[in-house]
Each structure stands twice: as structure tokens, then as C-alpha cells.
Amino acid sequence: MLKEEKYQALLPQVEALCEGEDDMIAKMANISALLHREFGFWWTGFYRVEATSRPRSKGEEGLSQNTTHRELVLGPFQGPLACVHIGYGKGVCGTAWKERRTVVVADVERFPGHIACSSESRSEIVVPMFRGDEVVAVLDIDSRHLATFDDTDRRCLEQLVAAMA
């Protein structure tokens, strides 16, 4: 089965899983598991935009020692351990959030500012999830292979994420 056919077969499942379900965490958990199982990606999951209050970490200039700010916080996922906090505009996930668009990276080693949560990740796609006009989360998928993701993944994953809203 071709990649696009796999995605199109998943869309009715995603719609059924999300229909009548108000809990976004539950939706994210099921969609992560569904995509991970079907495609065998290295890491599949969500980061949620959250207001957090935590001590400033290295490299977070311009923030007082303890401040409330918005960042991506790890949500439901499938795969190895992951980074927990990602700043606005940082790495592939933070860039997709800031630029409000899907980011496809053929080789993560060539992406300026890539955050290496796993040295085994080689390529990545990040799709922002909108509620109204606001980005509320991102779907992040990593592959152990170079250039795994293409325009088919972008289009189909944007469609799946939109079905979750």
C-alpha cells in the first residue's frame, strides 16, 4: 500500500476516535499510537503549548529567574524518552510553532538549532495544531532514516491534525 493510501485509510479512524471526544490528551494519545503503529516511525507524539512557571535554564536570556512564559511541553507520545520543554522558536518544534507552518527536515543535522533529544533521529516533520487562529500543540514525528518525510506526509498529516480539532 502506498503512503498516501495508508494515510487516507487512517483518516476515518482518526475522525471516529475524535468524534464526541473533548479530551485533547486522549485524542493525542490515540493518534500517536495509531500513527506510530501504522508507519513504524522512531518517535511520534505531541507537544502542547502551555504557560509554565519554572526557573530559567541556560540560554533563556531575557527571562527573570522565575517567570511565567509559554513553551511546548511534552504530551502523549510513542517511542524513546523525549525532551520535556521546548522554547518558542527553538528546534524544529519551536520553529513550527513560531512560523505557524509545517516544517519538514530531511536531515536534522543540517537544521540550525536542532534539539537532539535522540542521536538516532535523522529526519523530522512537525505539524502545528490550531484551535481557531492559535497554535495549541504540534505533532512531532522523527525517523531513523534521512529524508523520510515529503509533501505527501505534510498534506496528509495536516489533514489528520485538523480532524482532531
Protein backbone atom coordinates (compact mmCIF):
# COMPACT_ATOMS: atom_id res chain seq x y z
CA MET A 1 0.00 0.00 0.00
CA LEU A 2 1.32 3.44 -0.90
CA LYS A 3 2.00 6.00 1.81
CA GLU A 4 -0.89 8.25 0.77
CA GLU A 5 -3.27 5.27 0.76
CA LYS A 6 -2.19 4.43 4.32
CA TYR A 7 -2.91 7.98 5.45
CA GLN A 8 -6.29 8.02 3.70
CA ALA A 9 -7.18 4.72 5.38
CA LEU A 10 -6.28 6.25 8.77
CA LEU A 11 -8.36 9.40 8.34
CA PRO A 12 -11.75 7.73 9.06
CA GLN A 13 -10.19 6.08 12.14
CA VAL A 14 -8.90 9.45 13.37
CA GLU A 15 -12.30 11.03 12.79
CA ALA A 16 -14.03 8.18 14.65
CA LEU A 17 -11.59 8.38 17.58
CA CYS A 18 -12.11 12.13 17.87
CA GLU A 19 -15.86 12.28 17.32
CA GLY A 20 -17.56 13.30 20.55
CA GLU A 21 -14.28 13.27 22.49
CA ASP A 22 -13.49 16.56 24.23
CA ASP A 23 -10.30 15.46 25.99
CA MET A 24 -7.40 16.57 23.79
CA ILE A 25 -4.87 14.45 25.72
CA ALA A 26 -6.90 11.32 24.98
CA LYS A 27 -7.07 12.25 21.31
CA MET A 28 -3.32 12.88 21.18
CA ALA A 29 -2.57 9.57 22.88
CA ASN A 30 -4.66 7.55 20.43
CA ILE A 31 -3.45 9.38 17.33
CA SER A 32 0.20 8.98 18.42
CA ALA A 33 -0.32 5.25 18.88
CA LEU A 34 -2.19 4.90 15.59
CA LEU A 35 0.46 6.70 13.50
CA HIS A 36 3.35 5.02 15.29
CA ARG A 37 1.94 1.54 14.76
CA GLU A 38 0.96 2.07 11.15
CA PHE A 39 4.18 3.69 9.94
CA GLY A 40 6.80 2.41 12.39
CA PHE A 41 8.29 5.86 12.98
CA TRP A 42 11.12 6.27 15.51
CA TRP A 43 9.20 8.81 17.63
CA THR A 44 5.61 10.00 17.27
CA GLY A 45 3.95 12.43 19.63
CA PHE A 46 2.68 15.81 20.61
CA TYR A 47 4.00 18.86 22.38
CA ARG A 48 1.37 21.14 23.92
CA VAL A 49 1.64 24.92 24.19
CA GLU A 50 1.48 25.59 27.93
CA ALA A 51 2.02 28.52 30.27
CA THR A 52 4.74 27.44 32.67
CA SER A 53 6.48 28.96 35.62
CA ARG A 54 9.86 27.43 36.18
CA PRO A 55 13.38 28.62 36.85
CA ARG A 56 15.20 29.98 33.84
CA SER A 57 17.53 27.47 32.21
CA LYS A 58 20.79 28.15 30.41
CA GLY A 59 20.34 30.05 27.18
CA GLU A 60 16.96 31.58 28.06
CA GLU A 61 18.07 35.19 28.02
CA GLY A 62 15.62 37.92 28.75
CA LEU A 63 13.66 35.96 31.34
CA SER A 64 13.74 36.79 35.03
CA GLN A 65 14.87 33.99 37.33
CA ASN A 66 11.29 32.76 37.83
CA THR A 67 8.79 33.85 35.23
CA THR A 68 5.63 32.63 33.59
CA HIS A 69 6.00 32.09 29.88
CA ARG A 70 4.62 29.86 27.15
CA GLU A 71 6.57 26.89 25.88
CA LEU A 72 5.99 23.49 24.33
CA VAL A 73 5.56 20.78 26.95
CA LEU A 74 5.76 17.07 26.19
CA GLY A 75 2.39 15.43 25.64
CA PRO A 76 1.36 11.88 24.70
CA PHE A 77 3.92 10.03 22.57
CA GLN A 78 5.22 6.68 21.37
CA GLY A 79 8.95 5.94 21.22
CA PRO A 80 12.06 6.57 23.30
CA LEU A 81 12.40 9.22 26.00
CA ALA A 82 11.92 12.79 24.83
CA CYS A 83 12.74 16.38 25.69
CA VAL A 84 10.15 17.79 28.08
CA HIS A 85 10.34 21.56 27.44
CA ILE A 86 10.95 23.32 24.12
CA GLY A 87 11.07 27.09 23.82
CA TYR A 88 9.27 29.26 21.30
CA GLY A 89 11.28 29.26 18.06
CA LYS A 90 13.72 26.62 19.36
CA GLY A 91 14.47 23.47 17.36
CA VAL A 92 12.13 22.10 14.72
CA CYS A 93 9.10 22.02 17.04
CA GLY A 94 9.55 25.56 18.30
CA THR A 95 10.12 26.78 14.75
CA ALA A 96 6.87 25.19 13.50
CA TRP A 97 5.06 26.86 16.42
CA LYS A 98 6.63 30.27 15.78
CA GLU A 99 6.22 30.17 11.99
CA ARG A 100 2.74 28.60 12.23
CA ARG A 101 3.53 26.13 9.48
CA THR A 102 4.57 22.52 8.96
CA VAL A 103 8.33 22.06 8.95
CA VAL A 104 9.86 19.11 7.08
CA VAL A 105 13.53 18.40 7.75
CA ALA A 106 15.32 15.85 5.55
CA ASP A 107 18.48 15.82 7.71
CA VAL A 108 18.19 17.10 11.29
CA GLU A 109 21.98 17.57 11.47
CA ARG A 110 21.60 20.37 8.91
CA PHE A 111 18.77 22.17 10.73
CA PRO A 112 20.13 25.23 12.59
CA GLY A 113 19.37 24.89 16.29
CA HIS A 114 18.11 21.31 16.10
CA ILE A 115 17.44 19.89 19.57
CA ALA A 116 18.87 16.38 19.69
CA CYS A 117 16.61 14.50 22.11
CA SER A 118 17.86 11.29 20.48
CA SER A 119 21.01 10.86 18.43
CA GLU A 120 19.17 8.21 16.39
CA SER A 121 16.73 10.71 14.91
CA ARG A 122 17.73 11.57 11.33
CA SER A 123 14.72 13.34 9.78
CA GLU A 124 11.65 15.04 11.20
CA ILE A 125 8.29 16.58 10.44
CA VAL A 126 6.39 18.90 12.77
CA VAL A 127 2.76 19.90 12.13
CA PRO A 128 1.13 22.70 14.13
CA MET A 129 -2.34 22.13 15.57
CA PHE A 130 -4.65 25.13 15.61
CA ARG A 131 -7.65 25.99 17.75
CA GLY A 132 -9.14 28.94 15.94
CA ASP A 133 -6.18 31.09 14.98
CA GLU A 134 -3.93 29.94 17.83
CA VAL A 135 -1.33 27.14 17.77
CA VAL A 136 -2.20 24.92 20.75
CA ALA A 137 0.13 21.97 20.06
CA VAL A 138 2.42 20.41 17.49
CA LEU A 139 2.58 16.86 16.17
CA ASP A 140 6.23 15.82 16.03
CA ILE A 141 7.39 12.72 14.14
CA ASP A 142 11.01 11.57 13.91
CA SER A 143 12.55 8.92 11.68
CA ARG A 144 15.81 6.99 11.99
CA HIS A 145 16.29 7.47 8.23
CA LEU A 146 17.23 10.53 6.21
CA ALA A 147 14.60 12.23 4.05
CA THR A 148 11.69 10.11 5.29
CA PHE A 149 9.10 12.87 5.03
CA ASP A 150 7.81 14.61 1.91
CA ASP A 151 4.89 16.66 0.67
CA THR A 152 2.57 13.65 0.94
CA ASP A 153 3.33 13.40 4.67
CA ARG A 154 2.86 17.15 5.07
CA ARG A 155 -0.53 17.24 3.34
CA CYS A 156 -1.88 14.09 4.97
CA LEU A 157 -0.66 14.88 8.47
CA GLU A 158 -2.08 18.40 8.26
CA GLN A 159 -5.40 16.81 7.33
CA LEU A 160 -5.22 14.34 10.24
CA VAL A 161 -4.30 17.06 12.75
CA ALA A 162 -7.15 19.25 11.51
CA ALA A 163 -9.55 16.33 12.06
CA MET A 164 -8.53 16.28 15.73
CA ALA A 165 -9.53 19.89 16.44
